[in-house]
N, C-alpha and C. Protein backbone atom coordinates (compact mmCIF):
# COMPACT_ATOMS: atom_id res chain seq x y z
N MET A 1 0.82 -1.20 0.00
CA MET A 1 0.00 0.00 0.00
C MET A 1 0.86 1.26 0.00
N ASN A 2 2.13 1.10 0.35
CA ASN A 2 3.04 2.23 0.40
C ASN A 2 3.56 2.52 -1.02
N PRO A 3 3.28 3.71 -1.56
CA PRO A 3 3.72 4.02 -2.93
C PRO A 3 5.24 3.96 -3.12
N PHE A 4 5.99 4.36 -2.09
CA PHE A 4 7.45 4.31 -2.20
C PHE A 4 7.93 2.87 -2.34
N MET A 5 7.39 1.96 -1.52
CA MET A 5 7.79 0.55 -1.59
C MET A 5 7.36 -0.07 -2.92
N LYS A 6 6.21 0.35 -3.42
CA LYS A 6 5.74 -0.14 -4.72
C LYS A 6 6.71 0.27 -5.82
N LYS A 7 7.14 1.52 -5.82
CA LYS A 7 8.09 1.99 -6.83
C LYS A 7 9.45 1.31 -6.69
N LEU A 8 9.81 0.97 -5.46
CA LEU A 8 11.09 0.34 -5.20
C LEU A 8 11.09 -1.14 -5.59
N LEU A 9 10.03 -1.88 -5.23
CA LEU A 9 10.02 -3.32 -5.42
C LEU A 9 9.45 -3.80 -6.76
N ASP A 10 8.52 -3.06 -7.34
CA ASP A 10 7.89 -3.52 -8.58
C ASP A 10 8.88 -3.80 -9.71
N PRO A 11 9.83 -2.92 -9.99
CA PRO A 11 10.78 -3.23 -11.07
C PRO A 11 11.57 -4.52 -10.81
N LEU A 12 11.96 -4.73 -9.56
CA LEU A 12 12.70 -5.95 -9.22
C LEU A 12 11.81 -7.18 -9.40
N LEU A 13 10.56 -7.11 -8.95
CA LEU A 13 9.65 -8.25 -9.09
C LEU A 13 9.36 -8.54 -10.56
N TYR A 14 9.14 -7.49 -11.36
CA TYR A 14 8.86 -7.70 -12.77
C TYR A 14 10.08 -8.25 -13.52
N PHE A 15 11.27 -7.92 -13.06
CA PHE A 15 12.48 -8.43 -13.69
C PHE A 15 12.70 -9.90 -13.34
N ILE A 16 12.52 -10.26 -12.08
CA ILE A 16 12.81 -11.61 -11.61
C ILE A 16 11.71 -12.60 -11.98
N TYR A 17 10.45 -12.16 -12.04
CA TYR A 17 9.33 -13.10 -12.24
C TYR A 17 9.48 -14.01 -13.45
N PRO A 18 9.83 -13.51 -14.64
CA PRO A 18 9.87 -14.42 -15.80
C PRO A 18 11.07 -15.38 -15.80
N ILE A 19 12.04 -15.16 -14.95
CA ILE A 19 13.21 -16.04 -14.91
C ILE A 19 12.82 -17.35 -14.23
N PRO A 20 13.10 -18.50 -14.85
CA PRO A 20 12.82 -19.78 -14.16
C PRO A 20 13.62 -19.83 -12.86
N LYS A 21 12.95 -20.10 -11.79
CA LYS A 21 13.60 -20.03 -10.47
C LYS A 21 14.72 -21.05 -10.31
N VAL A 22 14.65 -22.15 -11.04
CA VAL A 22 15.72 -23.14 -10.98
C VAL A 22 17.02 -22.58 -11.53
N ALA A 23 16.94 -21.53 -12.33
CA ALA A 23 18.14 -20.90 -12.87
C ALA A 23 18.97 -20.24 -11.77
N PHE A 24 18.35 -20.02 -10.62
CA PHE A 24 19.08 -19.42 -9.49
C PHE A 24 19.89 -20.46 -8.71
N LEU A 25 19.76 -21.73 -9.05
CA LEU A 25 20.52 -22.77 -8.35
C LEU A 25 22.02 -22.50 -8.35
N PRO A 26 22.64 -22.17 -9.48
CA PRO A 26 24.08 -21.89 -9.43
C PRO A 26 24.43 -20.71 -8.52
N VAL A 27 23.56 -19.72 -8.47
CA VAL A 27 23.81 -18.57 -7.59
C VAL A 27 23.80 -19.01 -6.13
N PHE A 28 22.81 -19.82 -5.76
CA PHE A 28 22.72 -20.30 -4.39
C PHE A 28 23.87 -21.23 -4.05
N VAL A 29 24.31 -22.04 -5.01
CA VAL A 29 25.46 -22.93 -4.77
C VAL A 29 26.73 -22.11 -4.57
N ILE A 30 26.90 -21.06 -5.36
CA ILE A 30 28.08 -20.19 -5.21
C ILE A 30 28.06 -19.50 -3.84
N LEU A 31 26.89 -19.00 -3.45
CA LEU A 31 26.79 -18.25 -2.19
C LEU A 31 26.80 -19.14 -0.95
N PHE A 32 26.18 -20.35 -1.03
CA PHE A 32 25.98 -21.15 0.17
C PHE A 32 26.60 -22.54 0.10
N GLY A 33 27.32 -22.85 -0.97
CA GLY A 33 28.01 -24.12 -1.06
C GLY A 33 27.16 -25.23 -1.66
N LEU A 34 27.76 -26.41 -1.80
CA LEU A 34 27.11 -27.54 -2.44
C LEU A 34 26.19 -28.32 -1.51
N GLY A 35 26.17 -28.01 -0.25
CA GLY A 35 25.37 -28.78 0.70
C GLY A 35 23.88 -28.51 0.59
N ASN A 36 23.17 -28.95 1.61
CA ASN A 36 21.72 -28.81 1.64
C ASN A 36 21.26 -27.37 1.81
N THR A 37 22.09 -26.52 2.39
CA THR A 37 21.69 -25.14 2.64
C THR A 37 21.28 -24.44 1.36
N SER A 38 22.06 -24.60 0.31
CA SER A 38 21.73 -23.92 -0.95
C SER A 38 20.43 -24.45 -1.53
N LYS A 39 20.18 -25.74 -1.39
CA LYS A 39 18.95 -26.33 -1.94
C LYS A 39 17.73 -25.90 -1.14
N ILE A 40 17.86 -25.88 0.16
CA ILE A 40 16.74 -25.45 1.02
C ILE A 40 16.43 -23.98 0.76
N LEU A 41 17.46 -23.16 0.67
CA LEU A 41 17.24 -21.73 0.42
C LEU A 41 16.63 -21.48 -0.95
N LEU A 42 16.98 -22.30 -1.94
CA LEU A 42 16.36 -22.17 -3.26
C LEU A 42 14.86 -22.44 -3.18
N VAL A 43 14.48 -23.50 -2.49
CA VAL A 43 13.05 -23.83 -2.33
C VAL A 43 12.34 -22.73 -1.55
N VAL A 44 12.94 -22.24 -0.49
CA VAL A 44 12.34 -21.15 0.30
C VAL A 44 12.19 -19.90 -0.58
N PHE A 45 13.19 -19.59 -1.36
CA PHE A 45 13.13 -18.44 -2.27
C PHE A 45 11.96 -18.56 -3.23
N ILE A 46 11.77 -19.75 -3.78
CA ILE A 46 10.68 -19.97 -4.73
C ILE A 46 9.33 -19.75 -4.07
N VAL A 47 9.13 -20.33 -2.90
CA VAL A 47 7.85 -20.21 -2.20
C VAL A 47 7.61 -18.78 -1.74
N VAL A 48 8.61 -18.16 -1.12
CA VAL A 48 8.45 -16.80 -0.61
C VAL A 48 8.20 -15.82 -1.75
N PHE A 49 8.85 -16.01 -2.88
CA PHE A 49 8.65 -15.12 -4.01
C PHE A 49 7.20 -15.15 -4.48
N GLN A 50 6.63 -16.35 -4.58
CA GLN A 50 5.23 -16.47 -4.99
C GLN A 50 4.29 -15.81 -3.98
N ILE A 51 4.60 -15.96 -2.69
CA ILE A 51 3.75 -15.36 -1.65
C ILE A 51 3.84 -13.84 -1.70
N ILE A 52 5.03 -13.32 -1.92
CA ILE A 52 5.19 -11.86 -2.02
C ILE A 52 4.33 -11.32 -3.15
N LEU A 53 4.36 -11.98 -4.29
CA LEU A 53 3.54 -11.53 -5.43
C LEU A 53 2.06 -11.61 -5.11
N ALA A 54 1.63 -12.68 -4.47
CA ALA A 54 0.21 -12.84 -4.15
C ALA A 54 -0.25 -11.80 -3.15
N VAL A 55 0.55 -11.54 -2.12
CA VAL A 55 0.18 -10.54 -1.11
C VAL A 55 0.14 -9.16 -1.74
N ARG A 56 1.14 -8.84 -2.53
CA ARG A 56 1.16 -7.54 -3.20
C ARG A 56 -0.06 -7.34 -4.08
N ASP A 57 -0.39 -8.33 -4.89
CA ASP A 57 -1.55 -8.21 -5.77
C ASP A 57 -2.85 -8.15 -4.98
N GLY A 58 -2.93 -8.92 -3.89
CA GLY A 58 -4.13 -8.87 -3.06
C GLY A 58 -4.34 -7.52 -2.42
N VAL A 59 -3.28 -6.92 -1.94
CA VAL A 59 -3.38 -5.58 -1.32
C VAL A 59 -3.74 -4.54 -2.37
N LEU A 60 -3.16 -4.65 -3.56
CA LEU A 60 -3.46 -3.67 -4.62
C LEU A 60 -4.90 -3.76 -5.11
N ASP A 61 -5.53 -4.93 -4.97
CA ASP A 61 -6.90 -5.11 -5.43
C ASP A 61 -7.96 -4.69 -4.40
N ILE A 62 -7.54 -4.30 -3.22
CA ILE A 62 -8.51 -3.87 -2.20
C ILE A 62 -9.15 -2.57 -2.64
N ASP A 63 -10.46 -2.55 -2.59
CA ASP A 63 -11.20 -1.34 -2.93
C ASP A 63 -10.86 -0.25 -1.91
N LYS A 64 -10.48 0.90 -2.40
CA LYS A 64 -10.07 2.01 -1.52
C LYS A 64 -11.20 2.47 -0.60
N ASP A 65 -12.45 2.23 -1.00
CA ASP A 65 -13.58 2.61 -0.15
C ASP A 65 -13.58 1.83 1.16
N TYR A 66 -13.20 0.55 1.10
CA TYR A 66 -13.13 -0.25 2.33
C TYR A 66 -12.10 0.33 3.29
N ILE A 67 -10.99 0.74 2.75
CA ILE A 67 -9.93 1.31 3.58
C ILE A 67 -10.42 2.62 4.21
N LYS A 68 -11.09 3.44 3.43
CA LYS A 68 -11.61 4.72 3.95
C LYS A 68 -12.63 4.49 5.05
N VAL A 69 -13.51 3.51 4.89
CA VAL A 69 -14.53 3.22 5.90
C VAL A 69 -13.87 2.82 7.21
N ILE A 70 -12.93 1.90 7.14
CA ILE A 70 -12.24 1.45 8.37
C ILE A 70 -11.48 2.60 9.01
N GLN A 71 -10.83 3.43 8.21
CA GLN A 71 -10.07 4.55 8.76
C GLN A 71 -10.98 5.58 9.42
N ARG A 72 -12.20 5.72 8.93
CA ARG A 72 -13.14 6.67 9.54
C ARG A 72 -13.63 6.16 10.89
N PHE A 73 -13.82 4.84 10.99
CA PHE A 73 -14.31 4.27 12.25
C PHE A 73 -13.21 4.06 13.27
N SER A 74 -12.01 3.79 12.80
CA SER A 74 -10.91 3.51 13.72
C SER A 74 -9.59 3.92 13.07
N SER A 75 -8.77 4.55 13.86
CA SER A 75 -7.46 4.95 13.34
C SER A 75 -6.39 3.89 13.61
N LYS A 76 -6.79 2.78 14.21
CA LYS A 76 -5.84 1.73 14.53
C LYS A 76 -5.52 0.88 13.30
N LYS A 77 -4.26 0.75 13.05
CA LYS A 77 -3.80 -0.01 11.88
C LYS A 77 -4.16 -1.48 11.99
N ARG A 78 -4.17 -2.02 13.21
CA ARG A 78 -4.48 -3.44 13.39
C ARG A 78 -5.92 -3.77 12.98
N ILE A 79 -6.82 -2.81 13.13
CA ILE A 79 -8.21 -3.01 12.69
C ILE A 79 -8.25 -3.09 11.16
N LEU A 80 -7.53 -2.22 10.50
CA LEU A 80 -7.45 -2.24 9.04
C LEU A 80 -6.86 -3.56 8.55
N ILE A 81 -5.82 -4.00 9.20
CA ILE A 81 -5.18 -5.26 8.81
C ILE A 81 -6.12 -6.43 9.05
N ARG A 82 -6.76 -6.47 10.21
CA ARG A 82 -7.63 -7.61 10.58
C ARG A 82 -8.87 -7.72 9.71
N TYR A 83 -9.53 -6.62 9.43
CA TYR A 83 -10.83 -6.68 8.77
C TYR A 83 -10.81 -6.38 7.28
N VAL A 84 -9.72 -5.87 6.75
CA VAL A 84 -9.67 -5.57 5.32
C VAL A 84 -8.52 -6.30 4.64
N ILE A 85 -7.31 -6.08 5.11
CA ILE A 85 -6.13 -6.61 4.41
C ILE A 85 -6.04 -8.13 4.50
N LEU A 86 -6.14 -8.70 5.69
CA LEU A 86 -6.02 -10.15 5.82
C LEU A 86 -7.10 -10.91 5.04
N PRO A 87 -8.38 -10.52 5.13
CA PRO A 87 -9.37 -11.23 4.30
C PRO A 87 -9.10 -11.10 2.80
N ALA A 88 -8.50 -10.00 2.38
CA ALA A 88 -8.22 -9.81 0.95
C ALA A 88 -7.05 -10.66 0.48
N ILE A 89 -6.05 -10.84 1.32
CA ILE A 89 -4.84 -11.55 0.87
C ILE A 89 -4.84 -13.04 1.20
N LEU A 90 -5.66 -13.48 2.16
CA LEU A 90 -5.61 -14.88 2.58
C LEU A 90 -5.89 -15.86 1.43
N PRO A 91 -6.97 -15.69 0.65
CA PRO A 91 -7.19 -16.65 -0.44
C PRO A 91 -6.06 -16.65 -1.47
N ARG A 92 -5.53 -15.49 -1.78
CA ARG A 92 -4.43 -15.42 -2.75
C ARG A 92 -3.17 -16.06 -2.20
N THR A 93 -2.92 -15.88 -0.92
CA THR A 93 -1.73 -16.45 -0.30
C THR A 93 -1.80 -17.97 -0.30
N ILE A 94 -2.97 -18.51 0.04
CA ILE A 94 -3.12 -19.97 0.03
C ILE A 94 -2.99 -20.51 -1.38
N SER A 95 -3.57 -19.83 -2.35
CA SER A 95 -3.43 -20.26 -3.75
C SER A 95 -1.98 -20.20 -4.21
N ALA A 96 -1.27 -19.16 -3.81
CA ALA A 96 0.15 -19.04 -4.18
C ALA A 96 0.96 -20.16 -3.56
N LEU A 97 0.64 -20.53 -2.33
CA LEU A 97 1.34 -21.66 -1.70
C LEU A 97 1.09 -22.95 -2.47
N ARG A 98 -0.15 -23.16 -2.86
CA ARG A 98 -0.48 -24.38 -3.61
C ARG A 98 0.24 -24.41 -4.95
N ILE A 99 0.30 -23.29 -5.64
CA ILE A 99 0.97 -23.24 -6.94
C ILE A 99 2.48 -23.43 -6.77
N SER A 100 3.03 -22.80 -5.76
CA SER A 100 4.48 -22.86 -5.58
C SER A 100 4.96 -24.22 -5.10
N ILE A 101 4.07 -25.05 -4.57
CA ILE A 101 4.47 -26.39 -4.12
C ILE A 101 5.01 -27.21 -5.30
N GLY A 102 4.28 -27.19 -6.41
CA GLY A 102 4.74 -27.94 -7.58
C GLY A 102 6.05 -27.41 -8.12
N ILE A 103 6.16 -26.10 -8.17
CA ILE A 103 7.40 -25.49 -8.66
C ILE A 103 8.55 -25.80 -7.72
N ALA A 104 8.28 -25.73 -6.43
CA ALA A 104 9.34 -26.00 -5.44
C ALA A 104 9.78 -27.46 -5.49
N LEU A 105 8.84 -28.38 -5.62
CA LEU A 105 9.22 -29.80 -5.69
C LEU A 105 9.99 -30.10 -6.97
N ALA A 106 9.60 -29.49 -8.08
CA ALA A 106 10.34 -29.69 -9.33
C ALA A 106 11.75 -29.14 -9.20
N SER A 107 11.87 -27.99 -8.59
CA SER A 107 13.20 -27.39 -8.39
C SER A 107 14.04 -28.22 -7.43
N LEU A 108 13.40 -28.75 -6.39
CA LEU A 108 14.13 -29.61 -5.45
C LEU A 108 14.61 -30.87 -6.14
N PHE A 109 13.76 -31.46 -6.97
CA PHE A 109 14.16 -32.65 -7.75
C PHE A 109 15.39 -32.33 -8.59
N PHE A 110 15.37 -31.19 -9.26
CA PHE A 110 16.49 -30.78 -10.10
C PHE A 110 17.73 -30.53 -9.24
N ALA A 111 17.57 -29.83 -8.12
CA ALA A 111 18.71 -29.46 -7.27
C ALA A 111 19.35 -30.68 -6.62
N GLU A 112 18.55 -31.71 -6.36
CA GLU A 112 19.10 -32.89 -5.69
C GLU A 112 19.94 -33.77 -6.62
N ASN A 113 20.14 -33.35 -7.83
CA ASN A 113 20.97 -34.10 -8.75
C ASN A 113 22.38 -33.53 -8.85
N TYR A 114 22.68 -32.53 -8.04
CA TYR A 114 24.00 -31.91 -8.07
C TYR A 114 24.74 -32.16 -6.77
N ALA A 115 25.87 -32.81 -6.88
CA ALA A 115 26.80 -33.02 -5.77
C ALA A 115 26.12 -33.58 -4.53
N THR A 116 25.31 -34.62 -4.71
CA THR A 116 24.66 -35.24 -3.57
C THR A 116 24.55 -36.74 -3.79
N LYS A 117 24.37 -37.47 -2.75
CA LYS A 117 24.20 -38.91 -2.82
C LYS A 117 22.89 -39.34 -2.16
N TYR A 118 22.00 -38.40 -1.90
CA TYR A 118 20.73 -38.73 -1.28
C TYR A 118 19.68 -37.70 -1.69
N GLY A 119 18.46 -37.97 -1.35
CA GLY A 119 17.34 -37.11 -1.73
C GLY A 119 16.49 -37.82 -2.76
N ILE A 120 15.24 -37.43 -2.86
CA ILE A 120 14.31 -38.11 -3.75
C ILE A 120 14.69 -37.91 -5.22
N GLY A 121 15.20 -36.74 -5.57
CA GLY A 121 15.65 -36.50 -6.94
C GLY A 121 16.81 -37.40 -7.31
N TYR A 122 17.77 -37.51 -6.41
CA TYR A 122 18.91 -38.39 -6.64
C TYR A 122 18.44 -39.85 -6.73
N PHE A 123 17.52 -40.23 -5.86
CA PHE A 123 17.01 -41.60 -5.83
C PHE A 123 16.34 -41.97 -7.16
N ILE A 124 15.52 -41.07 -7.70
CA ILE A 124 14.81 -41.34 -8.95
C ILE A 124 15.79 -41.46 -10.12
N LEU A 125 16.69 -40.52 -10.24
CA LEU A 125 17.63 -40.57 -11.36
C LEU A 125 18.64 -41.71 -11.22
N SER A 126 19.02 -42.02 -10.00
CA SER A 126 19.92 -43.14 -9.78
C SER A 126 19.25 -44.46 -10.19
N ALA A 127 18.00 -44.62 -9.82
CA ALA A 127 17.26 -45.84 -10.20
C ALA A 127 17.08 -45.90 -11.71
N TRP A 128 16.86 -44.76 -12.33
CA TRP A 128 16.69 -44.71 -13.79
C TRP A 128 17.97 -45.14 -14.50
N THR A 129 19.12 -44.61 -14.05
CA THR A 129 20.39 -44.97 -14.70
C THR A 129 20.74 -46.44 -14.49
N LYS A 130 20.27 -47.03 -13.38
CA LYS A 130 20.50 -48.45 -13.12
C LYS A 130 19.43 -49.34 -13.77
N MET A 131 18.51 -48.70 -14.49
CA MET A 131 17.38 -49.38 -15.13
C MET A 131 16.53 -50.16 -14.13
N ASN A 132 16.47 -49.65 -12.92
CA ASN A 132 15.59 -50.22 -11.89
C ASN A 132 14.31 -49.40 -11.89
N TYR A 133 13.41 -49.77 -12.78
CA TYR A 133 12.23 -48.96 -13.02
C TYR A 133 11.22 -49.03 -11.88
N VAL A 134 11.23 -50.12 -11.13
CA VAL A 134 10.33 -50.22 -9.98
C VAL A 134 10.70 -49.15 -8.95
N GLU A 135 11.98 -49.05 -8.64
CA GLU A 135 12.43 -48.01 -7.70
C GLU A 135 12.19 -46.62 -8.26
N MET A 136 12.42 -46.45 -9.55
CA MET A 136 12.22 -45.14 -10.16
C MET A 136 10.76 -44.70 -10.02
N PHE A 137 9.82 -45.59 -10.36
CA PHE A 137 8.40 -45.23 -10.24
C PHE A 137 7.98 -45.08 -8.78
N ALA A 138 8.60 -45.86 -7.90
CA ALA A 138 8.32 -45.70 -6.47
C ALA A 138 8.74 -44.31 -6.00
N GLY A 139 9.89 -43.85 -6.45
CA GLY A 139 10.35 -42.51 -6.11
C GLY A 139 9.43 -41.43 -6.66
N ILE A 140 8.96 -41.62 -7.89
CA ILE A 140 8.03 -40.66 -8.49
C ILE A 140 6.73 -40.63 -7.70
N LEU A 141 6.24 -41.81 -7.30
CA LEU A 141 5.01 -41.86 -6.50
C LEU A 141 5.19 -41.19 -5.14
N ILE A 142 6.34 -41.39 -4.53
CA ILE A 142 6.62 -40.73 -3.25
C ILE A 142 6.65 -39.22 -3.43
N LEU A 143 7.28 -38.77 -4.50
CA LEU A 143 7.31 -37.33 -4.79
C LEU A 143 5.89 -36.80 -5.00
N GLY A 144 5.07 -37.56 -5.71
CA GLY A 144 3.68 -37.17 -5.91
C GLY A 144 2.90 -37.16 -4.61
N TYR A 145 3.16 -38.13 -3.74
CA TYR A 145 2.48 -38.18 -2.44
C TYR A 145 2.86 -36.97 -1.59
N ILE A 146 4.14 -36.62 -1.57
CA ILE A 146 4.58 -35.45 -0.81
C ILE A 146 3.89 -34.19 -1.34
N GLY A 147 3.84 -34.05 -2.66
CA GLY A 147 3.15 -32.91 -3.25
C GLY A 147 1.68 -32.88 -2.90
N ASN A 148 1.04 -34.05 -2.90
CA ASN A 148 -0.38 -34.14 -2.57
C ASN A 148 -0.64 -33.74 -1.12
N VAL A 149 0.23 -34.16 -0.22
CA VAL A 149 0.08 -33.78 1.20
C VAL A 149 0.15 -32.26 1.35
N PHE A 150 1.15 -31.65 0.74
CA PHE A 150 1.28 -30.19 0.83
C PHE A 150 0.13 -29.48 0.11
N PHE A 151 -0.29 -30.02 -1.02
CA PHE A 151 -1.36 -29.41 -1.81
C PHE A 151 -2.69 -29.44 -1.06
N SER A 152 -2.92 -30.48 -0.27
CA SER A 152 -4.20 -30.62 0.44
C SER A 152 -4.27 -29.74 1.69
N ILE A 153 -3.22 -29.05 2.03
CA ILE A 153 -3.22 -28.17 3.20
C ILE A 153 -4.24 -27.05 3.03
N LYS A 154 -4.60 -26.71 1.83
CA LYS A 154 -5.59 -25.65 1.59
C LYS A 154 -6.90 -25.94 2.30
N LYS A 155 -7.24 -27.20 2.46
CA LYS A 155 -8.49 -27.56 3.13
C LYS A 155 -8.55 -26.98 4.54
N ILE A 156 -7.40 -26.82 5.17
CA ILE A 156 -7.36 -26.26 6.51
C ILE A 156 -7.81 -24.81 6.48
N GLY A 157 -7.42 -24.06 5.45
CA GLY A 157 -7.74 -22.65 5.36
C GLY A 157 -9.14 -22.35 4.87
N ASN A 158 -9.87 -23.34 4.37
CA ASN A 158 -11.19 -23.09 3.81
C ASN A 158 -12.17 -22.51 4.83
N ALA A 159 -12.07 -22.90 6.08
CA ALA A 159 -13.01 -22.42 7.09
C ALA A 159 -12.85 -20.93 7.33
N ASN A 160 -11.65 -20.40 7.18
CA ASN A 160 -11.39 -18.99 7.45
C ASN A 160 -11.39 -18.13 6.20
N GLU A 161 -11.58 -18.74 5.04
CA GLU A 161 -11.42 -18.03 3.77
C GLU A 161 -12.64 -17.18 3.45
N SER A 162 -12.41 -16.00 2.95
CA SER A 162 -13.49 -15.15 2.44
C SER A 162 -13.07 -14.64 1.09
N ASN A 163 -13.95 -13.95 0.41
CA ASN A 163 -13.60 -13.48 -0.93
C ASN A 163 -12.80 -12.18 -0.91
N GLY A 164 -12.52 -11.63 0.25
CA GLY A 164 -11.72 -10.43 0.34
C GLY A 164 -12.49 -9.16 -0.01
N ARG A 165 -13.79 -9.27 -0.24
CA ARG A 165 -14.58 -8.11 -0.65
C ARG A 165 -15.60 -7.67 0.40
N CYS A 166 -15.74 -8.41 1.47
CA CYS A 166 -16.72 -8.00 2.47
C CYS A 166 -16.04 -7.88 3.83
N ILE A 167 -16.59 -7.03 4.64
CA ILE A 167 -16.05 -6.81 5.97
C ILE A 167 -16.98 -7.50 6.95
N ASP A 168 -16.42 -8.38 7.78
CA ASP A 168 -17.20 -9.11 8.75
C ASP A 168 -17.62 -8.15 9.86
N ALA A 169 -18.90 -7.98 10.04
CA ALA A 169 -19.40 -7.01 11.02
C ALA A 169 -19.42 -7.59 12.42
N GLU A 170 -19.23 -8.86 12.56
CA GLU A 170 -19.32 -9.48 13.89
C GLU A 170 -18.05 -9.23 14.70
């Protein structure tokens, strides 16, 4: 909502968004080494980036009249956040998490093939090179199961979800 922050961050977000996030793997490896730290930070970067975009877009889509109404009734910022901003961004944030899960798992699969001897990505490709297709498909199913578990987390947020356009008077 801050115009200065919008002018500061928007060019960076628009520049980074079209770049495939897996392309940042070499940067993270250079900065944090070949261990798990670089891979974990890559996945965190992917998820956090999607959430930042969703929150920003959700805040920008809030009708200014809602903000004016809340400001007239209360000057407390926490009231504005509780009754206008959070209901507007919650559905977008949950959707961004769901979308970023697939991207993060794909990136993790890719990252686990560099300088490692363990991980589901390594397991799948190792089984493939050994022509052990049962293990390869088992690894793919495990990866799918992990994605499904994370993807189904949205069900938890359904009880609190609103369309971001109404203010709860209760």
